[in-house]
Amino acid sequence: MKQVWFMVIIITIAGLTFMTGCGKGRTQKSSTAANISRVVIRDAMTDEVGQKRKCVMDSMDIEVTKGSKVAEFNGNTYYFCAAGEELEFAKNPEKYIKESETTNSGNMDHMKM
């Protein structure tokens, strides 16, 4: 009888360990999740409001407002002209930076210097 209870306890512990995610280290993060963790999205700071910048998504000239979203990535600051663009940027920042640099022919106005 003791052996049966012992086996029930062992099986229960093994099941709980598996269900609580003991093997989390084996799962691989998606590239989107990895990028989002490297991009910091914030509201524009007071000293940025009124500045002229370029939207990293479409190179449109914009004026930073109190409600503007800003992304920081790899030590650079990027601005957006439309709501929600910051979330799309966070999924694949390298894509939009490369496109922006090509469109701007090296013009880095979209970055805070």
PDB file of N, CA and C in Angstrom:
ATOM      1  N   MET A   1       0.826  -1.197   0.000  1.00  0.00           N
ATOM      2  CA  MET A   1       0.000   0.000   0.000  1.00  0.00           C
ATOM      3  C   MET A   1       0.870   1.259   0.000  1.00  0.00           C
ATOM      4  N   LYS A   2       1.992   1.233   0.735  1.00  0.00           N
ATOM      5  CA  LYS A   2       2.891   2.381   0.776  1.00  0.00           C
ATOM      6  C   LYS A   2       3.487   2.650  -0.599  1.00  0.00           C
ATOM      7  N   GLN A   3       3.758   1.594  -1.362  1.00  0.00           N
ATOM      8  CA  GLN A   3       4.333   1.765  -2.691  1.00  0.00           C
ATOM      9  C   GLN A   3       3.349   2.456  -3.639  1.00  0.00           C
ATOM     10  N   VAL A   4       2.066   2.140  -3.501  1.00  0.00           N
ATOM     11  CA  VAL A   4       1.054   2.765  -4.348  1.00  0.00           C
ATOM     12  C   VAL A   4       0.986   4.265  -4.061  1.00  0.00           C
ATOM     13  N   TRP A   5       0.949   4.650  -2.785  1.00  0.00           N
ATOM     14  CA  TRP A   5       0.914   6.057  -2.422  1.00  0.00           C
ATOM     15  C   TRP A   5       2.189   6.771  -2.879  1.00  0.00           C
ATOM     16  N   PHE A   6       3.293   6.102  -2.743  1.00  0.00           N
ATOM     17  CA  PHE A   6       4.567   6.677  -3.178  1.00  0.00           C
ATOM     18  C   PHE A   6       4.514   6.980  -4.677  1.00  0.00           C
ATOM     19  N   MET A   7       3.997   6.033  -5.478  1.00  0.00           N
ATOM     20  CA  MET A   7       3.895   6.225  -6.933  1.00  0.00           C
ATOM     21  C   MET A   7       2.913   7.354  -7.268  1.00  0.00           C
ATOM     22  N   VAL A   8       1.801   7.446  -6.535  1.00  0.00           N
ATOM     23  CA  VAL A   8       0.827   8.513  -6.764  1.00  0.00           C
ATOM     24  C   VAL A   8       1.472   9.870  -6.505  1.00  0.00           C
ATOM     25  N   ILE A   9       2.232   9.970  -5.436  1.00  0.00           N
ATOM     26  CA  ILE A   9       2.908  11.229  -5.104  1.00  0.00           C
ATOM     27  C   ILE A   9       3.928  11.587  -6.173  1.00  0.00           C
ATOM     28  N   ILE A  10       4.722  10.646  -6.608  1.00  0.00           N
ATOM     29  CA  ILE A  10       5.748  10.890  -7.640  1.00  0.00           C
ATOM     30  C   ILE A  10       5.088  11.346  -8.944  1.00  0.00           C
ATOM     31  N   ILE A  11       4.031  10.659  -9.351  1.00  0.00           N
ATOM     32  CA  ILE A  11       3.342  11.026 -10.597  1.00  0.00           C
ATOM     33  C   ILE A  11       2.720  12.418 -10.472  1.00  0.00           C
ATOM     34  N   THR A  12       2.149  12.719  -9.314  1.00  0.00           N
ATOM     35  CA  THR A  12       1.550  14.042  -9.086  1.00  0.00           C
ATOM     36  C   THR A  12       2.609  15.133  -9.158  1.00  0.00           C
ATOM     37  N   ILE A  13       3.737  14.935  -8.517  1.00  0.00           N
ATOM     38  CA  ILE A  13       4.821  15.920  -8.543  1.00  0.00           C
ATOM     39  C   ILE A  13       5.336  16.109  -9.972  1.00  0.00           C
ATOM     40  N   ALA A  14       5.506  15.018 -10.690  1.00  0.00           N
ATOM     41  CA  ALA A  14       5.992  15.108 -12.073  1.00  0.00           C
ATOM     42  C   ALA A  14       4.995  15.871 -12.937  1.00  0.00           C
ATOM     43  N   GLY A  15       3.708  15.588 -12.753  1.00  0.00           N
ATOM     44  CA  GLY A  15       2.678  16.286 -13.523  1.00  0.00           C
ATOM     45  C   GLY A  15       2.632  17.763 -13.209  1.00  0.00           C
ATOM     46  N   LEU A  16       2.727  18.124 -11.947  1.00  0.00           N
ATOM     47  CA  LEU A  16       2.712  19.531 -11.552  1.00  0.00           C
ATOM     48  C   LEU A  16       3.937  20.265 -12.071  1.00  0.00           C
ATOM     49  N   THR A  17       5.072  19.605 -12.015  1.00  0.00           N
ATOM     50  CA  THR A  17       6.303  20.217 -12.519  1.00  0.00           C
ATOM     51  C   THR A  17       6.176  20.511 -14.006  1.00  0.00           C
ATOM     52  N   PHE A  18       5.644  19.568 -14.760  1.00  0.00           N
ATOM     53  CA  PHE A  18       5.465  19.759 -16.196  1.00  0.00           C
ATOM     54  C   PHE A  18       4.459  20.871 -16.480  1.00  0.00           C
ATOM     55  N   MET A  19       3.354  20.903 -15.760  1.00  0.00           N
ATOM     56  CA  MET A  19       2.301  21.886 -15.999  1.00  0.00           C
ATOM     57  C   MET A  19       2.714  23.302 -15.606  1.00  0.00           C
ATOM     58  N   THR A  20       3.606  23.448 -14.647  1.00  0.00           N
ATOM     59  CA  THR A  20       4.012  24.791 -14.223  1.00  0.00           C
ATOM     60  C   THR A  20       5.134  25.353 -15.079  1.00  0.00           C
ATOM     61  N   GLY A  21       5.563  24.611 -16.082  1.00  0.00           N
ATOM     62  CA  GLY A  21       6.530  25.152 -17.030  1.00  0.00           C
ATOM     63  C   GLY A  21       7.965  24.990 -16.625  1.00  0.00           C
ATOM     64  N   CYS A  22       8.271  23.895 -16.011  1.00  0.00           N
ATOM     65  CA  CYS A  22       9.654  23.640 -15.615  1.00  0.00           C
ATOM     66  C   CYS A  22      10.579  23.695 -16.834  1.00  0.00           C
ATOM     67  N   GLY A  23      10.081  23.378 -18.015  1.00  0.00           N
ATOM     68  CA  GLY A  23      10.894  23.363 -19.225  1.00  0.00           C
ATOM     69  C   GLY A  23      10.836  24.653 -20.009  1.00  0.00           C
ATOM     70  N   LYS A  24      10.569  25.778 -19.372  1.00  0.00           N
ATOM     71  CA  LYS A  24      10.458  27.060 -20.083  1.00  0.00           C
ATOM     72  C   LYS A  24      11.709  27.401 -20.872  1.00  0.00           C
ATOM     73  N   GLY A  25      12.852  27.016 -20.366  1.00  0.00           N
ATOM     74  CA  GLY A  25      14.105  27.345 -21.036  1.00  0.00           C
ATOM     75  C   GLY A  25      14.227  26.706 -22.399  1.00  0.00           C
ATOM     76  N   ARG A  26      13.444  25.698 -22.680  1.00  0.00           N
ATOM     77  CA  ARG A  26      13.518  24.991 -23.956  1.00  0.00           C
ATOM     78  C   ARG A  26      12.713  25.662 -25.054  1.00  0.00           C
ATOM     79  N   THR A  27      11.792  26.536 -24.690  1.00  0.00           N
ATOM     80  CA  THR A  27      10.998  27.204 -25.711  1.00  0.00           C
ATOM     81  C   THR A  27      11.793  28.366 -26.293  1.00  0.00           C
ATOM     82  N   GLN A  28      11.606  28.601 -27.563  1.00  0.00           N
ATOM     83  CA  GLN A  28      12.354  29.653 -28.234  1.00  0.00           C
ATOM     84  C   GLN A  28      11.467  30.867 -28.426  1.00  0.00           C
ATOM     85  N   LYS A  29      11.994  32.045 -28.100  1.00  0.00           N
ATOM     86  CA  LYS A  29      11.258  33.292 -28.300  1.00  0.00           C
ATOM     87  C   LYS A  29      11.149  33.566 -29.789  1.00  0.00           C
ATOM     88  N   SER A  30      10.021  34.124 -30.173  1.00  0.00           N
ATOM     89  CA  SER A  30       9.889  34.537 -31.566  1.00  0.00           C
ATOM     90  C   SER A  30      10.747  35.773 -31.784  1.00  0.00           C
ATOM     91  N   SER A  31      11.125  36.038 -33.024  1.00  0.00           N
ATOM     92  CA  SER A  31      11.944  37.209 -33.302  1.00  0.00           C
ATOM     93  C   SER A  31      11.177  38.493 -32.991  1.00  0.00           C
ATOM     94  N   THR A  32       9.855  38.473 -33.164  1.00  0.00           N
ATOM     95  CA  THR A  32       9.051  39.650 -32.846  1.00  0.00           C
ATOM     96  C   THR A  32       9.148  39.976 -31.366  1.00  0.00           C
ATOM     97  N   ALA A  33       9.003  38.975 -30.521  1.00  0.00           N
ATOM     98  CA  ALA A  33       9.089  39.203 -29.075  1.00  0.00           C
ATOM     99  C   ALA A  33      10.473  39.693 -28.699  1.00  0.00           C
ATOM    100  N   ALA A  34      11.504  39.166 -29.336  1.00  0.00           N
ATOM    101  CA  ALA A  34      12.866  39.597 -29.041  1.00  0.00           C
ATOM    102  C   ALA A  34      13.068  41.059 -29.420  1.00  0.00           C
ATOM    103  N   ASN A  35      12.544  41.482 -30.581  1.00  0.00           N
ATOM    104  CA  ASN A  35      12.679  42.878 -31.005  1.00  0.00           C
ATOM    105  C   ASN A  35      11.927  43.828 -30.106  1.00  0.00           C
ATOM    106  N   ILE A  36      10.706  43.457 -29.755  1.00  0.00           N
ATOM    107  CA  ILE A  36       9.915  44.342 -28.905  1.00  0.00           C
ATOM    108  C   ILE A  36      10.614  44.587 -27.585  1.00  0.00           C
ATOM    109  N   SER A  37      11.294  43.581 -27.083  1.00  0.00           N
ATOM    110  CA  SER A  37      11.985  43.767 -25.809  1.00  0.00           C
ATOM    111  C   SER A  37      13.177  44.716 -25.943  1.00  0.00           C
ATOM    112  N   ARG A  38      13.689  44.925 -27.157  1.00  0.00           N
ATOM    113  CA  ARG A  38      14.818  45.829 -27.358  1.00  0.00           C
ATOM    114  C   ARG A  38      14.381  47.251 -27.690  1.00  0.00           C
ATOM    115  N   VAL A  39      13.118  47.448 -28.031  1.00  0.00           N
ATOM    116  CA  VAL A  39      12.587  48.757 -28.384  1.00  0.00           C
ATOM    117  C   VAL A  39      11.838  49.321 -27.186  1.00  0.00           C
ATOM    118  N   VAL A  40      12.178  50.556 -26.806  1.00  0.00           N
ATOM    119  CA  VAL A  40      11.474  51.223 -25.710  1.00  0.00           C
ATOM    120  C   VAL A  40      10.547  52.264 -26.325  1.00  0.00           C
ATOM    121  N   ILE A  41       9.253  52.116 -26.051  1.00  0.00           N
ATOM    122  CA  ILE A  41       8.264  53.066 -26.559  1.00  0.00           C
ATOM    123  C   ILE A  41       7.831  53.955 -25.405  1.00  0.00           C
ATOM    124  N   ARG A  42       7.791  55.253 -25.675  1.00  0.00           N
ATOM    125  CA  ARG A  42       7.419  56.206 -24.628  1.00  0.00           C
ATOM    126  C   ARG A  42       6.696  57.386 -25.255  1.00  0.00           C
ATOM    127  N   ASP A  43       6.138  58.236 -24.396  1.00  0.00           N
ATOM    128  CA  ASP A  43       5.544  59.486 -24.857  1.00  0.00           C
ATOM    129  C   ASP A  43       6.660  60.512 -25.065  1.00  0.00           C
ATOM    130  N   ALA A  44       6.434  61.454 -25.956  1.00  0.00           N
ATOM    131  CA  ALA A  44       7.411  62.515 -26.194  1.00  0.00           C
ATOM    132  C   ALA A  44       7.626  63.313 -24.916  1.00  0.00           C
ATOM    133  N   MET A  45       8.869  63.672 -24.657  1.00  0.00           N
ATOM    134  CA  MET A  45       9.200  64.488 -23.483  1.00  0.00           C
ATOM    135  C   MET A  45       8.956  65.958 -23.789  1.00  0.00           C
ATOM    136  N   THR A  46       8.816  66.722 -22.750  1.00  0.00           N
ATOM    137  CA  THR A  46       8.524  68.150 -22.879  1.00  0.00           C
ATOM    138  C   THR A  46       9.523  68.860 -23.793  1.00  0.00           C
ATOM    139  N   ASP A  47      10.809  68.535 -23.677  1.00  0.00           N
ATOM    140  CA  ASP A  47      11.813  69.214 -24.498  1.00  0.00           C
ATOM    141  C   ASP A  47      11.780  68.783 -25.967  1.00  0.00           C
ATOM    142  N   GLU A  48      11.067  67.719 -26.288  1.00  0.00           N
ATOM    143  CA  GLU A  48      10.935  67.274 -27.682  1.00  0.00           C
ATOM    144  C   GLU A  48       9.735  67.925 -28.379  1.00  0.00           C
ATOM    145  N   VAL A  49       8.744  68.324 -27.601  1.00  0.00           N
ATOM    146  CA  VAL A  49       7.519  68.909 -28.161  1.00  0.00           C
ATOM    147  C   VAL A  49       7.872  70.164 -28.963  1.00  0.00           C
ATOM    148  N   GLY A  50       7.329  70.248 -30.171  1.00  0.00           N
ATOM    149  CA  GLY A  50       7.571  71.387 -31.053  1.00  0.00           C
ATOM    150  C   GLY A  50       8.725  71.178 -32.022  1.00  0.00           C
ATOM    151  N   GLN A  51       9.532  70.151 -31.806  1.00  0.00           N
ATOM    152  CA  GLN A  51      10.657  69.901 -32.710  1.00  0.00           C
ATOM    153  C   GLN A  51      10.169  69.312 -34.031  1.00  0.00           C
ATOM    154  N   LYS A  52      10.883  69.632 -35.090  1.00  0.00           N
ATOM    155  CA  LYS A  52      10.596  69.079 -36.414  1.00  0.00           C
ATOM    156  C   LYS A  52      11.417  67.801 -36.567  1.00  0.00           C
ATOM    157  N   ARG A  53      10.767  66.724 -36.968  1.00  0.00           N
ATOM    158  CA  ARG A  53      11.412  65.426 -37.165  1.00  0.00           C
ATOM    159  C   ARG A  53      10.829  64.755 -38.398  1.00  0.00           C
ATOM    160  N   LYS A  54      11.369  63.606 -38.747  1.00  0.00           N
ATOM    161  CA  LYS A  54      10.829  62.781 -39.829  1.00  0.00           C
ATOM    162  C   LYS A  54      10.310  61.493 -39.224  1.00  0.00           C
ATOM    163  N   CYS A  55       9.159  61.062 -39.704  1.00  0.00           N
ATOM    164  CA  CYS A  55       8.590  59.785 -39.282  1.00  0.00           C
ATOM    165  C   CYS A  55       9.456  58.678 -39.869  1.00  0.00           C
ATOM    166  N   VAL A  56       9.886  57.764 -39.030  1.00  0.00           N
ATOM    167  CA  VAL A  56      10.743  56.677 -39.473  1.00  0.00           C
ATOM    168  C   VAL A  56       9.992  55.706 -40.395  1.00  0.00           C
ATOM    169  N   MET A  57       8.681  55.684 -40.315  1.00  0.00           N
ATOM    170  CA  MET A  57       7.896  54.738 -41.097  1.00  0.00           C
ATOM    171  C   MET A  57       7.717  55.175 -42.550  1.00  0.00           C
ATOM    172  N   ASP A  58       7.531  56.483 -42.781  1.00  0.00           N
ATOM    173  CA  ASP A  58       7.266  56.936 -44.144  1.00  0.00           C
ATOM    174  C   ASP A  58       8.008  58.216 -44.529  1.00  0.00           C
ATOM    175  N   SER A  59       8.931  58.649 -43.687  1.00  0.00           N
ATOM    176  CA  SER A  59       9.761  59.836 -43.929  1.00  0.00           C
ATOM    177  C   SER A  59       8.967  61.140 -44.017  1.00  0.00           C
ATOM    178  N   MET A  60       7.741  61.121 -43.521  1.00  0.00           N
ATOM    179  CA  MET A  60       6.916  62.331 -43.520  1.00  0.00           C
ATOM    180  C   MET A  60       7.449  63.319 -42.491  1.00  0.00           C
ATOM    181  N   ASP A  61       7.479  64.594 -42.861  1.00  0.00           N
ATOM    182  CA  ASP A  61       7.882  65.635 -41.907  1.00  0.00           C
ATOM    183  C   ASP A  61       6.781  65.798 -40.862  1.00  0.00           C
ATOM    184  N   ILE A  62       7.167  65.816 -39.597  1.00  0.00           N
ATOM    185  CA  ILE A  62       6.193  65.969 -38.525  1.00  0.00           C
ATOM    186  C   ILE A  62       6.705  66.967 -37.490  1.00  0.00           C
ATOM    187  N   GLU A  63       5.783  67.471 -36.695  1.00  0.00           N
ATOM    188  CA  GLU A  63       6.133  68.272 -35.535  1.00  0.00           C
ATOM    189  C   GLU A  63       5.729  67.449 -34.313  1.00  0.00           C
ATOM    190  N   VAL A  64       6.671  67.229 -33.426  1.00  0.00           N
ATOM    191  CA  VAL A  64       6.415  66.422 -32.238  1.00  0.00           C
ATOM    192  C   VAL A  64       5.427  67.160 -31.343  1.00  0.00           C
ATOM    193  N   THR A  65       4.394  66.447 -30.912  1.00  0.00           N
ATOM    194  CA  THR A  65       3.380  67.019 -30.020  1.00  0.00           C
ATOM    195  C   THR A  65       3.415  66.311 -28.679  1.00  0.00           C
ATOM    196  N   LYS A  66       2.653  66.822 -27.748  1.00  0.00           N
ATOM    197  CA  LYS A  66       2.592  66.242 -26.407  1.00  0.00           C
ATOM    198  C   LYS A  66       2.166  64.770 -26.448  1.00  0.00           C
ATOM    199  N   GLY A  67       1.301  64.400 -27.376  1.00  0.00           N
ATOM    200  CA  GLY A  67       0.803  63.027 -27.464  1.00  0.00           C
ATOM    201  C   GLY A  67       1.608  62.119 -28.374  1.00  0.00           C
ATOM    202  N   SER A  68       2.692  62.621 -28.967  1.00  0.00           N
ATOM    203  CA  SER A  68       3.488  61.811 -29.889  1.00  0.00           C
ATOM    204  C   SER A  68       4.127  60.629 -29.175  1.00  0.00           C
ATOM    205  N   LYS A  69       4.155  59.498 -29.878  1.00  0.00           N
ATOM    206  CA  LYS A  69       4.873  58.329 -29.390  1.00  0.00           C
ATOM    207  C   LYS A  69       6.277  58.352 -29.975  1.00  0.00           C
ATOM    208  N   VAL A  70       7.207  57.902 -29.167  1.00  0.00           N
ATOM    209  CA  VAL A  70       8.619  57.911 -29.532  1.00  0.00           C
ATOM    210  C   VAL A  70       9.177  56.525 -29.212  1.00  0.00           C
ATOM    211  N   ALA A  71      10.073  56.043 -30.056  1.00  0.00           N
ATOM    212  CA  ALA A  71      10.728  54.758 -29.796  1.00  0.00           C
ATOM    213  C   ALA A  71      12.227  54.981 -29.693  1.00  0.00           C
ATOM    214  N   GLU A  72      12.816  54.280 -28.753  1.00  0.00           N
ATOM    215  CA  GLU A  72      14.270  54.293 -28.612  1.00  0.00           C
ATOM    216  C   GLU A  72      14.772  52.897 -28.939  1.00  0.00           C
ATOM    217  N   PHE A  73      15.777  52.851 -29.809  1.00  0.00           N
ATOM    218  CA  PHE A  73      16.318  51.571 -30.265  1.00  0.00           C
ATOM    219  C   PHE A  73      17.787  51.746 -30.597  1.00  0.00           C
ATOM    220  N   ASN A  74      18.618  50.916 -30.021  1.00  0.00           N
ATOM    221  CA  ASN A  74      20.069  50.948 -30.265  1.00  0.00           C
ATOM    222  C   ASN A  74      20.670  52.337 -30.086  1.00  0.00           C
ATOM    223  N   GLY A  75      20.217  53.054 -29.079  1.00  0.00           N
ATOM    224  CA  GLY A  75      20.779  54.367 -28.769  1.00  0.00           C
ATOM    225  C   GLY A  75      20.247  55.508 -29.606  1.00  0.00           C
ATOM    226  N   ASN A  76      19.298  55.244 -30.500  1.00  0.00           N
ATOM    227  CA  ASN A  76      18.708  56.280 -31.351  1.00  0.00           C
ATOM    228  C   ASN A  76      17.238  56.457 -30.998  1.00  0.00           C
ATOM    229  N   THR A  77      16.708  57.619 -31.321  1.00  0.00           N
ATOM    230  CA  THR A  77      15.312  57.943 -31.043  1.00  0.00           C
ATOM    231  C   THR A  77      14.579  58.100 -32.361  1.00  0.00           C
ATOM    232  N   TYR A  78      13.395  57.484 -32.450  1.00  0.00           N
ATOM    233  CA  TYR A  78      12.598  57.493 -33.678  1.00  0.00           C
ATOM    234  C   TYR A  78      11.207  58.044 -33.381  1.00  0.00           C
ATOM    235  N   TYR A  79      10.652  58.767 -34.360  1.00  0.00           N
ATOM    236  CA  TYR A  79       9.370  59.440 -34.200  1.00  0.00           C
ATOM    237  C   TYR A  79       8.375  58.895 -35.210  1.00  0.00           C
ATOM    238  N   PHE A  80       7.072  59.093 -34.919  1.00  0.00           N
ATOM    239  CA  PHE A  80       6.017  58.526 -35.748  1.00  0.00           C
ATOM    240  C   PHE A  80       4.944  59.567 -36.027  1.00  0.00           C
ATOM    241  N   CYS A  81       4.339  59.475 -37.218  1.00  0.00           N
ATOM    242  CA  CYS A  81       3.321  60.454 -37.601  1.00  0.00           C
ATOM    243  C   CYS A  81       1.902  59.954 -37.352  1.00  0.00           C
ATOM    244  N   ALA A  82       1.719  58.672 -37.089  1.00  0.00           N
ATOM    245  CA  ALA A  82       0.367  58.136 -36.898  1.00  0.00           C
ATOM    246  C   ALA A  82       0.327  57.188 -35.703  1.00  0.00           C
ATOM    247  N   ALA A  83      -0.828  57.151 -35.074  1.00  0.00           N
ATOM    248  CA  ALA A  83      -1.021  56.267 -33.920  1.00  0.00           C
ATOM    249  C   ALA A  83      -0.871  54.810 -34.342  1.00  0.00           C
ATOM    250  N   GLY A  84      -0.183  54.049 -33.538  1.00  0.00           N
ATOM    251  CA  GLY A  84      -0.001  52.628 -33.792  1.00  0.00           C
ATOM    252  C   GLY A  84       1.257  52.274 -34.562  1.00  0.00           C
ATOM    253  N   GLU A  85       1.855  53.253 -35.228  1.00  0.00           N
ATOM    254  CA  GLU A  85       3.070  52.965 -35.995  1.00  0.00           C
ATOM    255  C   GLU A  85       4.203  52.490 -35.093  1.00  0.00           C
ATOM    256  N   GLU A  86       4.240  52.987 -33.864  1.00  0.00           N
ATOM    257  CA  GLU A  86       5.312  52.590 -32.950  1.00  0.00           C
ATOM    258  C   GLU A  86       5.272  51.095 -32.654  1.00  0.00           C
ATOM    259  N   LEU A  87       4.076  50.517 -32.631  1.00  0.00           N
ATOM    260  CA  LEU A  87       3.949  49.079 -32.374  1.00  0.00           C
ATOM    261  C   LEU A  87       4.421  48.265 -33.572  1.00  0.00           C
ATOM    262  N   GLU A  88       4.101  48.722 -34.766  1.00  0.00           N
ATOM    263  CA  GLU A  88       4.575  48.061 -35.980  1.00  0.00           C
ATOM    264  C   GLU A  88       6.102  48.162 -36.070  1.00  0.00           C
ATOM    265  N   PHE A  89       6.640  49.324 -35.763  1.00  0.00           N
ATOM    266  CA  PHE A  89       8.090  49.533 -35.755  1.00  0.00           C
ATOM    267  C   PHE A  89       8.768  48.566 -34.783  1.00  0.00           C
ATOM    268  N   ALA A  90       8.174  48.389 -33.607  1.00  0.00           N
ATOM    269  CA  ALA A  90       8.772  47.536 -32.577  1.00  0.00           C
ATOM    270  C   ALA A  90       8.882  46.078 -33.019  1.00  0.00           C
ATOM    271  N   LYS A  91       8.036  45.650 -33.939  1.00  0.00           N
ATOM    272  CA  LYS A  91       8.081  44.266 -34.417  1.00  0.00           C
ATOM    273  C   LYS A  91       9.315  43.995 -35.268  1.00  0.00           C
ATOM    274  N   ASN A  92       9.764  45.006 -36.023  1.00  0.00           N
ATOM    275  CA  ASN A  92      10.906  44.816 -36.916  1.00  0.00           C
ATOM    276  C   ASN A  92      11.603  46.154 -37.158  1.00  0.00           C
ATOM    277  N   PRO A  93      12.262  46.693 -36.139  1.00  0.00           N
ATOM    278  CA  PRO A  93      12.853  48.026 -36.277  1.00  0.00           C
ATOM    279  C   PRO A  93      13.903  48.129 -37.379  1.00  0.00           C
ATOM    280  N   GLU A  94      14.693  47.080 -37.564  1.00  0.00           N
ATOM    281  CA  GLU A  94      15.750  47.140 -38.580  1.00  0.00           C
ATOM    282  C   GLU A  94      15.168  47.374 -39.969  1.00  0.00           C
ATOM    283  N   LYS A  95      14.024  46.773 -40.259  1.00  0.00           N
ATOM    284  CA  LYS A  95      13.372  46.947 -41.567  1.00  0.00           C
ATOM    285  C   LYS A  95      13.048  48.411 -41.813  1.00  0.00           C
ATOM    286  N   TYR A  96      12.417  49.050 -40.848  1.00  0.00           N
ATOM    287  CA  TYR A  96      11.983  50.436 -41.040  1.00  0.00           C
ATOM    288  C   TYR A  96      13.153  51.405 -41.009  1.00  0.00           C
ATOM    289  N   ILE A  97      14.164  51.113 -40.223  1.00  0.00           N
ATOM    290  CA  ILE A  97      15.346  51.980 -40.200  1.00  0.00           C
ATOM    291  C   ILE A  97      16.039  51.932 -41.550  1.00  0.00           C
ATOM    292  N   LYS A  98      16.197  50.730 -42.097  1.00  0.00           N
ATOM    293  CA  LYS A  98      16.850  50.573 -43.394  1.00  0.00           C
ATOM    294  C   LYS A  98      16.049  51.283 -44.485  1.00  0.00           C
ATOM    295  N   GLU A  99      14.724  51.101 -44.482  1.00  0.00           N
ATOM    296  CA  GLU A  99      13.880  51.769 -45.475  1.00  0.00           C
ATOM    297  C   GLU A  99      13.964  53.282 -45.330  1.00  0.00           C
ATOM    298  N   SER A 100      13.978  53.768 -44.103  1.00  0.00           N
ATOM    299  CA  SER A 100      14.040  55.206 -43.848  1.00  0.00           C
ATOM    300  C   SER A 100      15.364  55.784 -44.322  1.00  0.00           C
ATOM    301  N   GLU A 101      16.448  55.083 -44.071  1.00  0.00           N
ATOM    302  CA  GLU A 101      17.762  55.573 -44.496  1.00  0.00           C
ATOM    303  C   GLU A 101      17.859  55.607 -46.009  1.00  0.00           C
ATOM    304  N   THR A 102      17.269  54.626 -46.680  1.00  0.00           N
ATOM    305  CA  THR A 102      17.271  54.598 -48.148  1.00  0.00           C
ATOM    306  C   THR A 102      16.440  55.752 -48.696  1.00  0.00           C
ATOM    307  N   THR A 103      15.263  55.969 -48.114  1.00  0.00           N
ATOM    308  CA  THR A 103      14.377  57.048 -48.550  1.00  0.00           C
ATOM    309  C   THR A 103      14.994  58.409 -48.309  1.00  0.00           C
ATOM    310  N   ASN A 104      15.666  58.557 -47.172  1.00  0.00           N
ATOM    311  CA  ASN A 104      16.246  59.853 -46.802  1.00  0.00           C
ATOM    312  C   ASN A 104      17.638  60.062 -47.381  1.00  0.00           C
ATOM    313  N   SER A 105      18.156  59.099 -48.124  1.00  0.00           N
ATOM    314  CA  SER A 105      19.503  59.182 -48.686  1.00  0.00           C
ATOM    315  C   SER A 105      20.536  59.589 -47.654  1.00  0.00           C
ATOM    316  N   GLY A 106      20.463  58.949 -46.503  1.00  0.00           N
ATOM    317  CA  GLY A 106      21.439  59.221 -45.468  1.00  0.00           C
ATOM    318  C   GLY A 106      21.030  60.329 -44.534  1.00  0.00           C
ATOM    319  N   ASN A 107      19.920  61.022 -44.797  1.00  0.00           N
ATOM    320  CA  ASN A 107      19.449  62.089 -43.921  1.00  0.00           C
ATOM    321  C   ASN A 107      18.942  61.461 -42.616  1.00  0.00           C
ATOM    322  N   MET A 108      19.524  61.847 -41.503  1.00  0.00           N
ATOM    323  CA  MET A 108      19.189  61.242 -40.226  1.00  0.00           C
ATOM    324  C   MET A 108      18.332  62.176 -39.378  1.00  0.00           C
ATOM    325  N   ASP A 109      17.523  63.028 -40.007  1.00  0.00           N
ATOM    326  CA  ASP A 109      16.672  63.960 -39.275  1.00  0.00           C
ATOM    327  C   ASP A 109      15.670  63.275 -38.363  1.00  0.00           C
ATOM    328  N   HIS A 110      15.342  62.015 -38.657  1.00  0.00           N
ATOM    329  CA  HIS A 110      14.343  61.326 -37.848  1.00  0.00           C
ATOM    330  C   HIS A 110      14.895  60.936 -36.486  1.00  0.00           C
ATOM    331  N   MET A 111      16.194  61.083 -36.300  1.00  0.00           N
ATOM    332  CA  MET A 111      16.804  60.729 -35.026  1.00  0.00           C
ATOM    333  C   MET A 111      17.043  61.960 -34.187  1.00  0.00           C
ATOM    334  N   LYS A 112      16.953  61.807 -32.902  1.00  0.00           N
ATOM    335  CA  LYS A 112      17.279  62.901 -31.996  1.00  0.00           C
ATOM    336  C   LYS A 112      18.784  62.949 -31.883  1.00  0.00           C
ATOM    337  N   MET A 113      19.351  64.066 -32.190  1.00  0.00           N
ATOM    338  CA  MET A 113      20.811  64.213 -32.096  1.00  0.00           C
ATOM    339  C   MET A 113      21.191  64.909 -30.811  1.00  0.00           C
TER     340      MET A 113
END
